Amino acid sequence: MEVFSLINDTLFKMTWLSDLMGYIVSSIFGLDLTSQLGASLQFFLFDTVKIFILLSILIFTVSYIQSYFPPERTRKIIGRYKGISANILGALLGTITPFCSCSSIPLFIGFTSAGLPIGVTFSFLISSPLVDLASVILLASIFNWKIALAYVVVGVLLAVFSGTIISKLKMEDQVEAFVFNKTSLPDIEMEKLSVHDRVRISTESVKEIVHKVWIYVLIGVGIGALIHNVIPESFITALLGNDKWYSVPLATLVGVPMYADIFGTLPIAEALVSKGVGIGTALAFMMAVTALSLPSIVMLKKVIKPKLLIVFVTIVTVGIILIGILFNSFGMYLL
């Protein structure tokens, strides 16, 4: 356990980086680390650098693995299964795709046009932005591995449960006709790529995703630093304290109209928990922002009809609230 703890602190929590940023803030900027400004600057520098380091390494790794699984091959794999097993597989495949909710929608269209049941594609659509390898590692680096793994389990269950309900409701007629008329995803012979090609593709994926999310990371870390060191704890707990029955629904509803990548919401969740907010409340906010962002809902409205959109948003919102309440009730055993 001591070896694992050392590896975890060094590679994931990066305690050495925190010490380095503390040295920079105190020695180069001449700020007291116990002051609001000094503590906020250290938090901002440390979380920003840590997230970008982990994000780049993980996206490269996942993208390299994904180079062996082009969209059409993924569709064929899912297509071999029926019923809830197909929903489970769709959700699990979503966990290895480092896409935000908006980026997942083109794949949703491709999978649906290629003949996959809409319930299965919704399981993929939910799990893809909500749960991926990068978010798991970052959650572990901020909280611990028990929280990270529990988050994966409930995220996958939410995707499977939501997709299964949508399958049972048989709402294929609520998908716009043009989706079914689109040409299926091209079957690219990715297995013929050389190692150099896969490295190039993975490097480009890192550049593309970092380019998309960097502003949300900076905003999220900035808000986290503000909550962590400037906003009084009494104010935060009075609004979202674990004893408030409405904290989870409020955090969920506040998160829905926002748009940010999961990597931008993690520092906010970290700061909220440090101020006494329940882990379930913080995770509910994070899940709502990533799974139900307003831009993704607007994009989804272009491909599905209002009835199915309302069902999707309602199921996922209720699911997130229940997960948040569950974490608040039992999260103490995970922290």
C-alpha atoms as a PDB file:
ATOM      1  CA  MET A   1       0.000   0.000   0.000  1.00  0.00           C
ATOM      2  CA  GLU A   2       2.844   2.400   0.728  1.00  0.00           C
ATOM      3  CA  VAL A   3       4.273   1.825  -2.750  1.00  0.00           C
ATOM      4  CA  PHE A   4       0.857   2.418  -4.350  1.00  0.00           C
ATOM      5  CA  SER A   5       0.383   5.552  -2.254  1.00  0.00           C
ATOM      6  CA  LEU A   6       3.793   6.848  -3.347  1.00  0.00           C
ATOM      7  CA  ILE A   7       3.037   6.175  -7.013  1.00  0.00           C
ATOM      8  CA  ASN A   8      -0.395   7.767  -6.678  1.00  0.00           C
ATOM      9  CA  ASP A   9       0.984  10.892  -4.976  1.00  0.00           C
ATOM     10  CA  THR A  10       3.812  11.232  -7.498  1.00  0.00           C
ATOM     11  CA  LEU A  11       2.116  10.391 -10.793  1.00  0.00           C
ATOM     12  CA  PHE A  12      -1.519  11.329 -10.260  1.00  0.00           C
ATOM     13  CA  LYS A  13      -1.853  13.731  -7.343  1.00  0.00           C
ATOM     14  CA  MET A  14       1.527  15.260  -8.323  1.00  0.00           C
ATOM     15  CA  THR A  15       2.401  16.499  -4.856  1.00  0.00           C
ATOM     16  CA  TRP A  16       5.834  17.445  -6.210  1.00  0.00           C
ATOM     17  CA  LEU A  17       4.169  19.817  -8.656  1.00  0.00           C
ATOM     18  CA  SER A  18       2.165  21.416  -5.851  1.00  0.00           C
ATOM     19  CA  ASP A  19       5.398  22.006  -3.932  1.00  0.00           C
ATOM     20  CA  LEU A  20       7.044  23.431  -7.059  1.00  0.00           C
ATOM     21  CA  MET A  21       4.174  25.846  -7.672  1.00  0.00           C
ATOM     22  CA  GLY A  22       4.256  26.839  -4.017  1.00  0.00           C
ATOM     23  CA  TYR A  23       7.966  27.626  -4.378  1.00  0.00           C
ATOM     24  CA  ILE A  24       7.307  29.688  -7.532  1.00  0.00           C
ATOM     25  CA  VAL A  25       4.516  31.657  -5.875  1.00  0.00           C
ATOM     26  CA  SER A  26       6.490  32.384  -2.720  1.00  0.00           C
ATOM     27  CA  SER A  27       9.998  32.870  -4.198  1.00  0.00           C
ATOM     28  CA  ILE A  28       9.375  34.356  -7.640  1.00  0.00           C
ATOM     29  CA  PHE A  29       6.122  36.230  -7.015  1.00  0.00           C
ATOM     30  CA  GLY A  30       6.977  36.959  -3.378  1.00  0.00           C
ATOM     31  CA  LEU A  31       3.514  36.042  -2.082  1.00  0.00           C
ATOM     32  CA  ASP A  32       2.624  34.436   1.222  1.00  0.00           C
ATOM     33  CA  LEU A  33       1.076  31.010   0.558  1.00  0.00           C
ATOM     34  CA  THR A  34      -1.269  31.500   3.517  1.00  0.00           C
ATOM     35  CA  SER A  35      -2.717  34.700   2.011  1.00  0.00           C
ATOM     36  CA  GLN A  36      -5.795  34.620  -0.228  1.00  0.00           C
ATOM     37  CA  LEU A  37      -3.866  35.818  -3.272  1.00  0.00           C
ATOM     38  CA  GLY A  38      -0.930  33.475  -2.744  1.00  0.00           C
ATOM     39  CA  ALA A  39      -3.093  30.420  -2.051  1.00  0.00           C
ATOM     40  CA  SER A  40      -5.350  31.197  -5.021  1.00  0.00           C
ATOM     41  CA  LEU A  41      -2.398  31.611  -7.381  1.00  0.00           C
ATOM     42  CA  GLN A  42      -0.824  28.346  -6.208  1.00  0.00           C
ATOM     43  CA  PHE A  43      -4.155  26.514  -6.679  1.00  0.00           C
ATOM     44  CA  PHE A  44      -4.580  28.014 -10.161  1.00  0.00           C
ATOM     45  CA  LEU A  45      -1.053  27.212 -11.365  1.00  0.00           C
ATOM     46  CA  PHE A  46      -0.970  23.727  -9.861  1.00  0.00           C
ATOM     47  CA  ASP A  47      -4.384  22.558 -11.108  1.00  0.00           C
ATOM     48  CA  THR A  48      -3.898  24.066 -14.567  1.00  0.00           C
ATOM     49  CA  VAL A  49      -0.511  22.460 -15.179  1.00  0.00           C
ATOM     50  CA  LYS A  50      -1.578  19.129 -13.627  1.00  0.00           C
ATOM     51  CA  ILE A  51      -4.737  18.880 -15.713  1.00  0.00           C
ATOM     52  CA  PHE A  52      -2.959  19.677 -18.975  1.00  0.00           C
ATOM     53  CA  ILE A  53      -0.154  17.185 -18.258  1.00  0.00           C
ATOM     54  CA  LEU A  54      -2.546  14.347 -17.412  1.00  0.00           C
ATOM     55  CA  LEU A  55      -4.960  15.324 -20.168  1.00  0.00           C
ATOM     56  CA  SER A  56      -2.294  15.263 -22.889  1.00  0.00           C
ATOM     57  CA  ILE A  57      -0.847  11.919 -21.801  1.00  0.00           C
ATOM     58  CA  LEU A  58      -4.240  10.254 -21.442  1.00  0.00           C
ATOM     59  CA  ILE A  59      -5.717  11.578 -24.690  1.00  0.00           C
ATOM     60  CA  PHE A  60      -2.630  10.393 -26.566  1.00  0.00           C
ATOM     61  CA  THR A  61      -2.908   6.927 -24.992  1.00  0.00           C
ATOM     62  CA  VAL A  62      -6.643   6.568 -25.593  1.00  0.00           C
ATOM     63  CA  SER A  63      -6.384   7.912 -29.157  1.00  0.00           C
ATOM     64  CA  TYR A  64      -3.604   5.440 -29.951  1.00  0.00           C
ATOM     65  CA  ILE A  65      -5.807   2.580 -28.736  1.00  0.00           C
ATOM     66  CA  GLN A  66      -8.765   3.987 -30.664  1.00  0.00           C
ATOM     67  CA  SER A  67      -6.764   3.983 -33.894  1.00  0.00           C
ATOM     68  CA  TYR A  68      -7.475   0.238 -33.965  1.00  0.00           C
ATOM     69  CA  PHE A  69     -11.233   0.817 -33.663  1.00  0.00           C
ATOM     70  CA  PRO A  70     -12.671   3.128 -36.379  1.00  0.00           C
ATOM     71  CA  PRO A  71     -16.378   4.103 -36.077  1.00  0.00           C
ATOM     72  CA  GLU A  72     -17.612   1.472 -38.521  1.00  0.00           C
ATOM     73  CA  ARG A  73     -15.791  -1.311 -36.705  1.00  0.00           C
ATOM     74  CA  THR A  74     -17.217  -0.036 -33.410  1.00  0.00           C
ATOM     75  CA  ARG A  75     -20.706  -0.115 -34.936  1.00  0.00           C
ATOM     76  CA  LYS A  76     -20.189  -3.694 -36.122  1.00  0.00           C
ATOM     77  CA  ILE A  77     -19.051  -4.778 -32.656  1.00  0.00           C
ATOM     78  CA  ILE A  78     -22.117  -3.247 -30.983  1.00  0.00           C
ATOM     79  CA  GLY A  79     -24.371  -4.594 -33.739  1.00  0.00           C
ATOM     80  CA  ARG A  80     -23.623  -8.177 -32.699  1.00  0.00           C
ATOM     81  CA  TYR A  81     -25.471  -7.678 -29.414  1.00  0.00           C
ATOM     82  CA  LYS A  82     -29.124  -7.153 -28.604  1.00  0.00           C
ATOM     83  CA  GLY A  83     -31.122  -5.830 -25.678  1.00  0.00           C
ATOM     84  CA  ILE A  84     -29.496  -4.609 -22.488  1.00  0.00           C
ATOM     85  CA  SER A  85     -26.172  -6.241 -23.403  1.00  0.00           C
ATOM     86  CA  ALA A  86     -26.003  -3.883 -26.390  1.00  0.00           C
ATOM     87  CA  ASN A  87     -26.723  -0.917 -24.106  1.00  0.00           C
ATOM     88  CA  ILE A  88     -23.968  -2.030 -21.737  1.00  0.00           C
ATOM     89  CA  LEU A  89     -21.504  -2.390 -24.597  1.00  0.00           C
ATOM     90  CA  GLY A  90     -22.508   1.006 -26.036  1.00  0.00           C
ATOM     91  CA  ALA A  91     -21.982   2.642 -22.642  1.00  0.00           C
ATOM     92  CA  LEU A  92     -18.630   0.912 -22.127  1.00  0.00           C
ATOM     93  CA  LEU A  93     -17.410   1.930 -25.589  1.00  0.00           C
ATOM     94  CA  GLY A  94     -18.453   5.479 -24.746  1.00  0.00           C
ATOM     95  CA  THR A  95     -16.075   5.409 -21.787  1.00  0.00           C
ATOM     96  CA  ILE A  96     -13.033   5.002 -24.065  1.00  0.00           C
ATOM     97  CA  THR A  97     -13.944   7.919 -26.320  1.00  0.00           C
ATOM     98  CA  PRO A  98     -12.537  11.279 -25.124  1.00  0.00           C
ATOM     99  CA  PHE A  99     -15.345  13.389 -26.593  1.00  0.00           C
ATOM    100  CA  CYS A 100     -17.397  16.210 -25.151  1.00  0.00           C
ATOM    101  CA  SER A 101     -21.184  15.990 -25.509  1.00  0.00           C
ATOM    102  CA  CYS A 102     -21.201  18.031 -28.730  1.00  0.00           C
ATOM    103  CA  SER A 103     -18.435  15.964 -30.340  1.00  0.00           C
ATOM    104  CA  SER A 104     -20.334  12.754 -29.569  1.00  0.00           C
ATOM    105  CA  ILE A 105     -23.425  13.786 -31.534  1.00  0.00           C
ATOM    106  CA  PRO A 106     -21.935  13.192 -35.033  1.00  0.00           C
ATOM    107  CA  LEU A 107     -21.096   9.643 -33.933  1.00  0.00           C
ATOM    108  CA  PHE A 108     -24.619   9.325 -32.547  1.00  0.00           C
ATOM    109  CA  ILE A 109     -25.953  10.256 -35.986  1.00  0.00           C
ATOM    110  CA  GLY A 110     -23.575   7.842 -37.704  1.00  0.00           C
ATOM    111  CA  PHE A 111     -24.468   4.935 -35.428  1.00  0.00           C
ATOM    112  CA  THR A 112     -28.216   5.588 -35.766  1.00  0.00           C
ATOM    113  CA  SER A 113     -28.040   5.900 -39.570  1.00  0.00           C
ATOM    114  CA  ALA A 114     -26.082   2.644 -39.679  1.00  0.00           C
ATOM    115  CA  GLY A 115     -28.964   0.798 -38.036  1.00  0.00           C
ATOM    116  CA  LEU A 116     -28.100   0.633 -34.328  1.00  0.00           C
ATOM    117  CA  PRO A 117     -31.109   0.910 -31.973  1.00  0.00           C
ATOM    118  CA  ILE A 118     -31.545   4.455 -30.687  1.00  0.00           C
ATOM    119  CA  GLY A 119     -31.434   3.237 -27.089  1.00  0.00           C
ATOM    120  CA  VAL A 120     -27.940   1.875 -27.647  1.00  0.00           C
ATOM    121  CA  THR A 121     -26.768   5.084 -29.314  1.00  0.00           C
ATOM    122  CA  PHE A 122     -28.179   7.096 -26.405  1.00  0.00           C
ATOM    123  CA  SER A 123     -26.218   4.914 -23.976  1.00  0.00           C
ATOM    124  CA  PHE A 124     -23.112   5.821 -25.970  1.00  0.00           C
ATOM    125  CA  LEU A 125     -24.103   9.504 -26.156  1.00  0.00           C
ATOM    126  CA  ILE A 126     -24.460   9.729 -22.368  1.00  0.00           C
ATOM    127  CA  SER A 127     -21.362   7.797 -21.327  1.00  0.00           C
ATOM    128  CA  SER A 128     -18.976   9.330 -23.876  1.00  0.00           C
ATOM    129  CA  PRO A 129     -18.757  12.838 -22.354  1.00  0.00           C
ATOM    130  CA  LEU A 130     -19.556  11.667 -18.827  1.00  0.00           C
ATOM    131  CA  VAL A 131     -17.068   8.857 -18.246  1.00  0.00           C
ATOM    132  CA  ASP A 132     -13.705   8.373 -19.906  1.00  0.00           C
ATOM    133  CA  LEU A 133     -10.228   7.294 -18.916  1.00  0.00           C
ATOM    134  CA  ALA A 134      -8.970  10.862 -18.587  1.00  0.00           C
ATOM    135  CA  SER A 135     -11.774  11.918 -16.253  1.00  0.00           C
ATOM    136  CA  VAL A 136     -11.261   8.814 -14.108  1.00  0.00           C
ATOM    137  CA  ILE A 137      -7.548   9.525 -13.668  1.00  0.00           C
ATOM    138  CA  LEU A 138      -8.203  13.194 -12.944  1.00  0.00           C
ATOM    139  CA  LEU A 139     -10.912  12.322 -10.414  1.00  0.00           C
ATOM    140  CA  ALA A 140      -8.481   9.991  -8.695  1.00  0.00           C
ATOM    141  CA  SER A 141      -5.817  12.705  -8.703  1.00  0.00           C
ATOM    142  CA  ILE A 142      -8.202  15.187  -7.076  1.00  0.00           C
ATOM    143  CA  PHE A 143     -10.135  12.926  -4.685  1.00  0.00           C
ATOM    144  CA  ASN A 144      -9.167   9.248  -4.558  1.00  0.00           C
ATOM    145  CA  TRP A 145      -9.508   5.995  -6.487  1.00  0.00           C
ATOM    146  CA  LYS A 146     -12.637   4.899  -4.615  1.00  0.00           C
ATOM    147  CA  ILE A 147     -14.465   8.050  -5.692  1.00  0.00           C
ATOM    148  CA  ALA A 148     -13.162   7.700  -9.265  1.00  0.00           C
ATOM    149  CA  LEU A 149     -14.220   4.073  -9.631  1.00  0.00           C
ATOM    150  CA  ALA A 150     -17.599   4.685  -7.992  1.00  0.00           C
ATOM    151  CA  TYR A 151     -18.144   7.553 -10.445  1.00  0.00           C
ATOM    152  CA  VAL A 152     -17.399   5.221 -13.372  1.00  0.00           C
ATOM    153  CA  VAL A 153     -19.870   2.635 -12.102  1.00  0.00           C
ATOM    154  CA  VAL A 154     -22.747   5.088 -11.603  1.00  0.00           C
ATOM    155  CA  GLY A 155     -21.955   6.891 -14.871  1.00  0.00           C
ATOM    156  CA  VAL A 156     -22.113   3.654 -16.864  1.00  0.00           C
ATOM    157  CA  LEU A 157     -25.264   2.558 -14.997  1.00  0.00           C
ATOM    158  CA  LEU A 158     -26.921   5.899 -15.817  1.00  0.00           C
ATOM    159  CA  ALA A 159     -26.050   5.483 -19.508  1.00  0.00           C
ATOM    160  CA  VAL A 160     -27.290   1.865 -19.592  1.00  0.00           C
ATOM    161  CA  PHE A 161     -30.464   2.640 -17.625  1.00  0.00           C
ATOM    162  CA  SER A 162     -31.333   5.695 -19.747  1.00  0.00           C
ATOM    163  CA  GLY A 163     -30.672   3.895 -23.036  1.00  0.00           C
ATOM    164  CA  THR A 164     -32.715   0.878 -21.922  1.00  0.00           C
ATOM    165  CA  ILE A 165     -35.735   3.034 -21.038  1.00  0.00           C
ATOM    166  CA  ILE A 166     -35.542   4.825 -24.388  1.00  0.00           C
ATOM    167  CA  SER A 167     -35.335   1.428 -26.141  1.00  0.00           C
ATOM    168  CA  LYS A 168     -38.424   0.193 -24.269  1.00  0.00           C
ATOM    169  CA  LEU A 169     -40.378   3.310 -25.236  1.00  0.00           C
ATOM    170  CA  LYS A 170     -39.794   2.511 -28.953  1.00  0.00           C
ATOM    171  CA  MET A 171     -39.343   6.131 -30.016  1.00  0.00           C
ATOM    172  CA  GLU A 172     -37.613   5.547 -33.361  1.00  0.00           C
ATOM    173  CA  ASP A 173     -40.286   7.734 -34.979  1.00  0.00           C
ATOM    174  CA  GLN A 174     -38.966  10.631 -32.876  1.00  0.00           C
ATOM    175  CA  VAL A 175     -35.666  10.691 -34.783  1.00  0.00           C
ATOM    176  CA  GLU A 176     -35.574  13.053 -37.766  1.00  0.00           C
ATOM    177  CA  ALA A 177     -35.897  11.211 -41.090  1.00  0.00           C
ATOM    178  CA  PHE A 178     -32.671  12.608 -42.558  1.00  0.00           C
ATOM    179  CA  VAL A 179     -30.646  10.736 -39.917  1.00  0.00           C
ATOM    180  CA  PHE A 180     -31.721   7.363 -41.311  1.00  0.00           C
ATOM    181  CA  ASN A 181     -30.989   8.485 -44.857  1.00  0.00           C
ATOM    182  CA  LYS A 182     -27.392   9.483 -44.195  1.00  0.00           C
ATOM    183  CA  THR A 183     -24.567   7.371 -45.536  1.00  0.00           C
ATOM    184  CA  SER A 184     -23.101   5.100 -42.888  1.00  0.00           C
ATOM    185  CA  LEU A 185     -19.701   5.771 -41.429  1.00  0.00           C
ATOM    186  CA  PRO A 186     -16.754   4.915 -43.693  1.00  0.00           C
ATOM    187  CA  ASP A 187     -14.916   1.665 -42.943  1.00  0.00           C
ATOM    188  CA  ILE A 188     -11.364   2.933 -42.705  1.00  0.00           C
ATOM    189  CA  GLU A 189      -8.731   0.195 -42.690  1.00  0.00           C
ATOM    190  CA  MET A 190      -7.074   1.504 -39.559  1.00  0.00           C
ATOM    191  CA  GLU A 191      -5.242  -1.767 -38.932  1.00  0.00           C
ATOM    192  CA  LYS A 192      -3.010  -0.982 -41.922  1.00  0.00           C
ATOM    193  CA  LEU A 193      -1.681   2.179 -40.310  1.00  0.00           C
ATOM    194  CA  SER A 194       1.962   2.201 -39.280  1.00  0.00           C
ATOM    195  CA  VAL A 195       3.125   3.019 -35.763  1.00  0.00           C
ATOM    196  CA  HIS A 196       4.255   6.405 -37.058  1.00  0.00           C
ATOM    197  CA  ASP A 197       0.750   7.072 -38.440  1.00  0.00           C
ATOM    198  CA  ARG A 198      -0.880   6.099 -35.159  1.00  0.00           C
ATOM    199  CA  VAL A 199       1.482   8.368 -33.223  1.00  0.00           C
ATOM    200  CA  ARG A 200       0.691  11.204 -35.627  1.00  0.00           C
ATOM    201  CA  ILE A 201      -3.065  10.641 -35.283  1.00  0.00           C
ATOM    202  CA  SER A 202      -2.782  10.502 -31.485  1.00  0.00           C
ATOM    203  CA  THR A 203      -0.702  13.686 -31.395  1.00  0.00           C
ATOM    204  CA  GLU A 204      -3.268  15.452 -33.566  1.00  0.00           C
ATOM    205  CA  SER A 205      -6.029  14.268 -31.220  1.00  0.00           C
ATOM    206  CA  VAL A 206      -4.189  15.806 -28.270  1.00  0.00           C
ATOM    207  CA  LYS A 207      -3.833  19.107 -30.130  1.00  0.00           C
ATOM    208  CA  GLU A 208      -7.472  19.093 -31.246  1.00  0.00           C
ATOM    209  CA  ILE A 209      -9.010  18.269 -27.869  1.00  0.00           C
ATOM    210  CA  VAL A 210      -6.705  20.555 -25.870  1.00  0.00           C
ATOM    211  CA  HIS A 211      -7.515  23.349 -28.337  1.00  0.00           C
ATOM    212  CA  LYS A 212     -11.227  22.771 -27.679  1.00  0.00           C
ATOM    213  CA  VAL A 213     -11.089  22.549 -23.890  1.00  0.00           C
ATOM    214  CA  TRP A 214      -8.222  24.807 -22.764  1.00  0.00           C
ATOM    215  CA  ILE A 215     -10.450  27.835 -22.196  1.00  0.00           C
ATOM    216  CA  TYR A 216     -12.892  25.775 -20.093  1.00  0.00           C
ATOM    217  CA  VAL A 217     -10.034  24.374 -18.044  1.00  0.00           C
ATOM    218  CA  LEU A 218      -8.736  27.869 -17.300  1.00  0.00           C
ATOM    219  CA  ILE A 219     -12.225  29.131 -16.449  1.00  0.00           C
ATOM    220  CA  GLY A 220     -12.938  26.093 -14.279  1.00  0.00           C
ATOM    221  CA  VAL A 221      -9.634  26.333 -12.416  1.00  0.00           C
ATOM    222  CA  GLY A 222     -10.159  30.082 -11.989  1.00  0.00           C
ATOM    223  CA  ILE A 223     -13.596  29.545 -10.472  1.00  0.00           C
ATOM    224  CA  GLY A 224     -12.168  26.741  -8.337  1.00  0.00           C
ATOM    225  CA  ALA A 225      -9.414  29.013  -7.038  1.00  0.00           C
ATOM    226  CA  LEU A 226     -11.998  31.676  -6.236  1.00  0.00           C
ATOM    227  CA  ILE A 227     -14.211  29.216  -4.332  1.00  0.00           C
ATOM    228  CA  HIS A 228     -11.224  27.578  -2.642  1.00  0.00           C
ATOM    229  CA  ASN A 229      -9.573  30.666  -1.241  1.00  0.00           C
ATOM    230  CA  VAL A 230     -11.790  33.732  -1.567  1.00  0.00           C
ATOM    231  CA  ILE A 231     -15.478  32.890  -1.072  1.00  0.00           C
ATOM    232  CA  PRO A 232     -16.173  32.255   2.639  1.00  0.00           C
ATOM    233  CA  GLU A 233     -16.904  28.666   3.587  1.00  0.00           C
ATOM    234  CA  SER A 234     -19.948  29.782   5.558  1.00  0.00           C
ATOM    235  CA  PHE A 235     -21.515  31.214   2.396  1.00  0.00           C
ATOM    236  CA  ILE A 236     -20.913  28.036   0.361  1.00  0.00           C
ATOM    237  CA  THR A 237     -22.218  25.684   3.043  1.00  0.00           C
ATOM    238  CA  ALA A 238     -25.244  27.909   3.693  1.00  0.00           C
ATOM    239  CA  LEU A 239     -26.163  27.595   0.003  1.00  0.00           C
ATOM    240  CA  LEU A 240     -25.055  24.052  -0.866  1.00  0.00           C
ATOM    241  CA  GLY A 241     -24.206  22.409   2.447  1.00  0.00           C
ATOM    242  CA  ASN A 242     -24.672  18.659   2.824  1.00  0.00           C
ATOM    243  CA  ASP A 243     -27.555  19.312   5.229  1.00  0.00           C
ATOM    244  CA  LYS A 244     -29.593  21.120   2.570  1.00  0.00           C
ATOM    245  CA  TRP A 245     -32.139  18.769   0.938  1.00  0.00           C
ATOM    246  CA  TYR A 246     -32.219  20.900  -2.195  1.00  0.00           C
ATOM    247  CA  SER A 247     -28.445  21.052  -2.747  1.00  0.00           C
ATOM    248  CA  VAL A 248     -28.291  18.222  -5.316  1.00  0.00           C
ATOM    249  CA  PRO A 249     -31.319  19.317  -7.407  1.00  0.00           C
ATOM    250  CA  LEU A 250     -30.081  22.919  -7.320  1.00  0.00           C
ATOM    251  CA  ALA A 251     -26.551  21.956  -8.409  1.00  0.00           C
ATOM    252  CA  THR A 252     -27.999  19.803 -11.204  1.00  0.00           C
ATOM    253  CA  LEU A 253     -30.337  22.501 -12.501  1.00  0.00           C
ATOM    254  CA  VAL A 254     -27.565  25.114 -12.347  1.00  0.00           C
ATOM    255  CA  GLY A 255     -25.264  22.823 -14.313  1.00  0.00           C
ATOM    256  CA  VAL A 256     -27.689  21.946 -17.142  1.00  0.00           C
ATOM    257  CA  PRO A 257     -27.654  25.281 -19.031  1.00  0.00           C
ATOM    258  CA  MET A 258     -23.877  25.643 -18.712  1.00  0.00           C
ATOM    259  CA  TYR A 259     -21.276  24.342 -21.149  1.00  0.00           C
ATOM    260  CA  ALA A 260     -17.864  23.104 -20.156  1.00  0.00           C
ATOM    261  CA  ASP A 261     -15.818  19.994 -20.574  1.00  0.00           C
ATOM    262  CA  ILE A 262     -15.496  17.621 -17.617  1.00  0.00           C
ATOM    263  CA  PHE A 263     -11.882  18.788 -17.267  1.00  0.00           C
ATOM    264  CA  GLY A 264     -13.101  22.309 -16.598  1.00  0.00           C
ATOM    265  CA  THR A 265     -15.674  21.256 -14.008  1.00  0.00           C
ATOM    266  CA  LEU A 266     -13.360  19.027 -11.946  1.00  0.00           C
ATOM    267  CA  PRO A 267     -11.496  21.947 -10.264  1.00  0.00           C
ATOM    268  CA  ILE A 268     -14.872  23.469  -9.328  1.00  0.00           C
ATOM    269  CA  ALA A 269     -16.009  20.167  -7.803  1.00  0.00           C
ATOM    270  CA  GLU A 270     -12.716  19.945  -5.908  1.00  0.00           C
ATOM    271  CA  ALA A 271     -13.110  23.435  -4.483  1.00  0.00           C
ATOM    272  CA  LEU A 272     -16.758  22.865  -3.516  1.00  0.00           C
ATOM    273  CA  VAL A 273     -15.934  19.681  -1.611  1.00  0.00           C
ATOM    274  CA  SER A 274     -13.062  21.439   0.191  1.00  0.00           C
ATOM    275  CA  LYS A 275     -15.594  24.030   1.394  1.00  0.00           C
ATOM    276  CA  GLY A 276     -17.903  21.444   2.927  1.00  0.00           C
ATOM    277  CA  VAL A 277     -20.226  20.770   0.003  1.00  0.00           C
ATOM    278  CA  GLY A 278     -21.282  17.120  -0.270  1.00  0.00           C
ATOM    279  CA  ILE A 279     -19.400  15.006  -2.801  1.00  0.00           C
ATOM    280  CA  GLY A 280     -22.731  14.073  -4.376  1.00  0.00           C
ATOM    281  CA  THR A 281     -23.692  17.717  -4.857  1.00  0.00           C
ATOM    282  CA  ALA A 282     -20.349  18.492  -6.510  1.00  0.00           C
ATOM    283  CA  LEU A 283     -20.512  15.430  -8.777  1.00  0.00           C
ATOM    284  CA  ALA A 284     -24.144  16.160  -9.718  1.00  0.00           C
ATOM    285  CA  PHE A 285     -23.103  19.623 -10.875  1.00  0.00           C
ATOM    286  CA  MET A 286     -20.206  18.139 -12.831  1.00  0.00           C
ATOM    287  CA  MET A 287     -22.362  15.466 -14.475  1.00  0.00           C
ATOM    288  CA  ALA A 288     -25.102  17.931 -15.416  1.00  0.00           C
ATOM    289  CA  VAL A 289     -22.631  20.283 -17.084  1.00  0.00           C
ATOM    290  CA  THR A 290     -20.977  17.525 -19.108  1.00  0.00           C
ATOM    291  CA  ALA A 291     -23.954  15.298 -20.008  1.00  0.00           C
ATOM    292  CA  LEU A 292     -26.665  17.937 -20.461  1.00  0.00           C
ATOM    293  CA  SER A 293     -24.890  21.064 -21.678  1.00  0.00           C
ATOM    294  CA  LEU A 294     -27.102  23.586 -23.464  1.00  0.00           C
ATOM    295  CA  PRO A 295     -25.108  23.533 -26.758  1.00  0.00           C
ATOM    296  CA  SER A 296     -25.354  19.734 -26.959  1.00  0.00           C
ATOM    297  CA  ILE A 297     -29.120  19.887 -26.335  1.00  0.00           C
ATOM    298  CA  VAL A 298     -29.466  22.491 -29.104  1.00  0.00           C
ATOM    299  CA  MET A 299     -27.471  20.267 -31.481  1.00  0.00           C
ATOM    300  CA  LEU A 300     -29.443  17.186 -30.465  1.00  0.00           C
ATOM    301  CA  LYS A 301     -32.690  19.032 -31.169  1.00  0.00           C
ATOM    302  CA  LYS A 302     -31.632  19.136 -34.826  1.00  0.00           C
ATOM    303  CA  VAL A 303     -31.651  15.329 -35.072  1.00  0.00           C
ATOM    304  CA  ILE A 304     -34.439  14.230 -32.697  1.00  0.00           C
ATOM    305  CA  LYS A 305     -37.959  15.525 -32.132  1.00  0.00           C
ATOM    306  CA  PRO A 306     -39.093  17.415 -28.993  1.00  0.00           C
ATOM    307  CA  LYS A 307     -40.822  14.420 -27.379  1.00  0.00           C
ATOM    308  CA  LEU A 308     -37.664  12.268 -27.412  1.00  0.00           C
ATOM    309  CA  LEU A 309     -35.522  15.236 -26.370  1.00  0.00           C
ATOM    310  CA  ILE A 310     -37.747  15.858 -23.331  1.00  0.00           C
ATOM    311  CA  VAL A 311     -37.633  12.163 -22.395  1.00  0.00           C
ATOM    312  CA  PHE A 312     -33.818  12.117 -22.715  1.00  0.00           C
ATOM    313  CA  VAL A 313     -33.271  15.272 -20.634  1.00  0.00           C
ATOM    314  CA  THR A 314     -35.798  14.178 -17.985  1.00  0.00           C
ATOM    315  CA  ILE A 315     -34.354  10.681 -17.539  1.00  0.00           C
ATOM    316  CA  VAL A 316     -30.759  11.897 -17.326  1.00  0.00           C
ATOM    317  CA  THR A 317     -31.624  14.795 -14.991  1.00  0.00           C
ATOM    318  CA  VAL A 318     -33.532  12.547 -12.589  1.00  0.00           C
ATOM    319  CA  GLY A 319     -30.715   9.980 -12.780  1.00  0.00           C
ATOM    320  CA  ILE A 320     -28.073  12.581 -11.936  1.00  0.00           C
ATOM    321  CA  ILE A 321     -30.097  13.855  -8.974  1.00  0.00           C
ATOM    322  CA  LEU A 322     -30.515  10.320  -7.601  1.00  0.00           C
ATOM    323  CA  ILE A 323     -26.790   9.639  -8.039  1.00  0.00           C
ATOM    324  CA  GLY A 324     -25.955  12.887  -6.238  1.00  0.00           C
ATOM    325  CA  ILE A 325     -28.224  12.024  -3.321  1.00  0.00           C
ATOM    326  CA  LEU A 326     -26.696   8.524  -3.158  1.00  0.00           C
ATOM    327  CA  PHE A 327     -23.144   9.940  -3.064  1.00  0.00           C
ATOM    328  CA  ASN A 328     -24.109  12.466  -0.389  1.00  0.00           C
ATOM    329  CA  SER A 329     -25.575   9.665   1.734  1.00  0.00           C
ATOM    330  CA  PHE A 330     -22.670   7.236   1.396  1.00  0.00           C
ATOM    331  CA  GLY A 331     -19.809   9.382   0.102  1.00  0.00           C
ATOM    332  CA  MET A 332     -18.282   9.624   3.569  1.00  0.00           C
ATOM    333  CA  TYR A 333     -17.208   6.012   3.207  1.00  0.00           C
ATOM    334  CA  LEU A 334     -15.370   6.812  -0.026  1.00  0.00           C
ATOM    335  CA  LEU A 335     -13.489   9.956   1.007  1.00  0.00           C
END
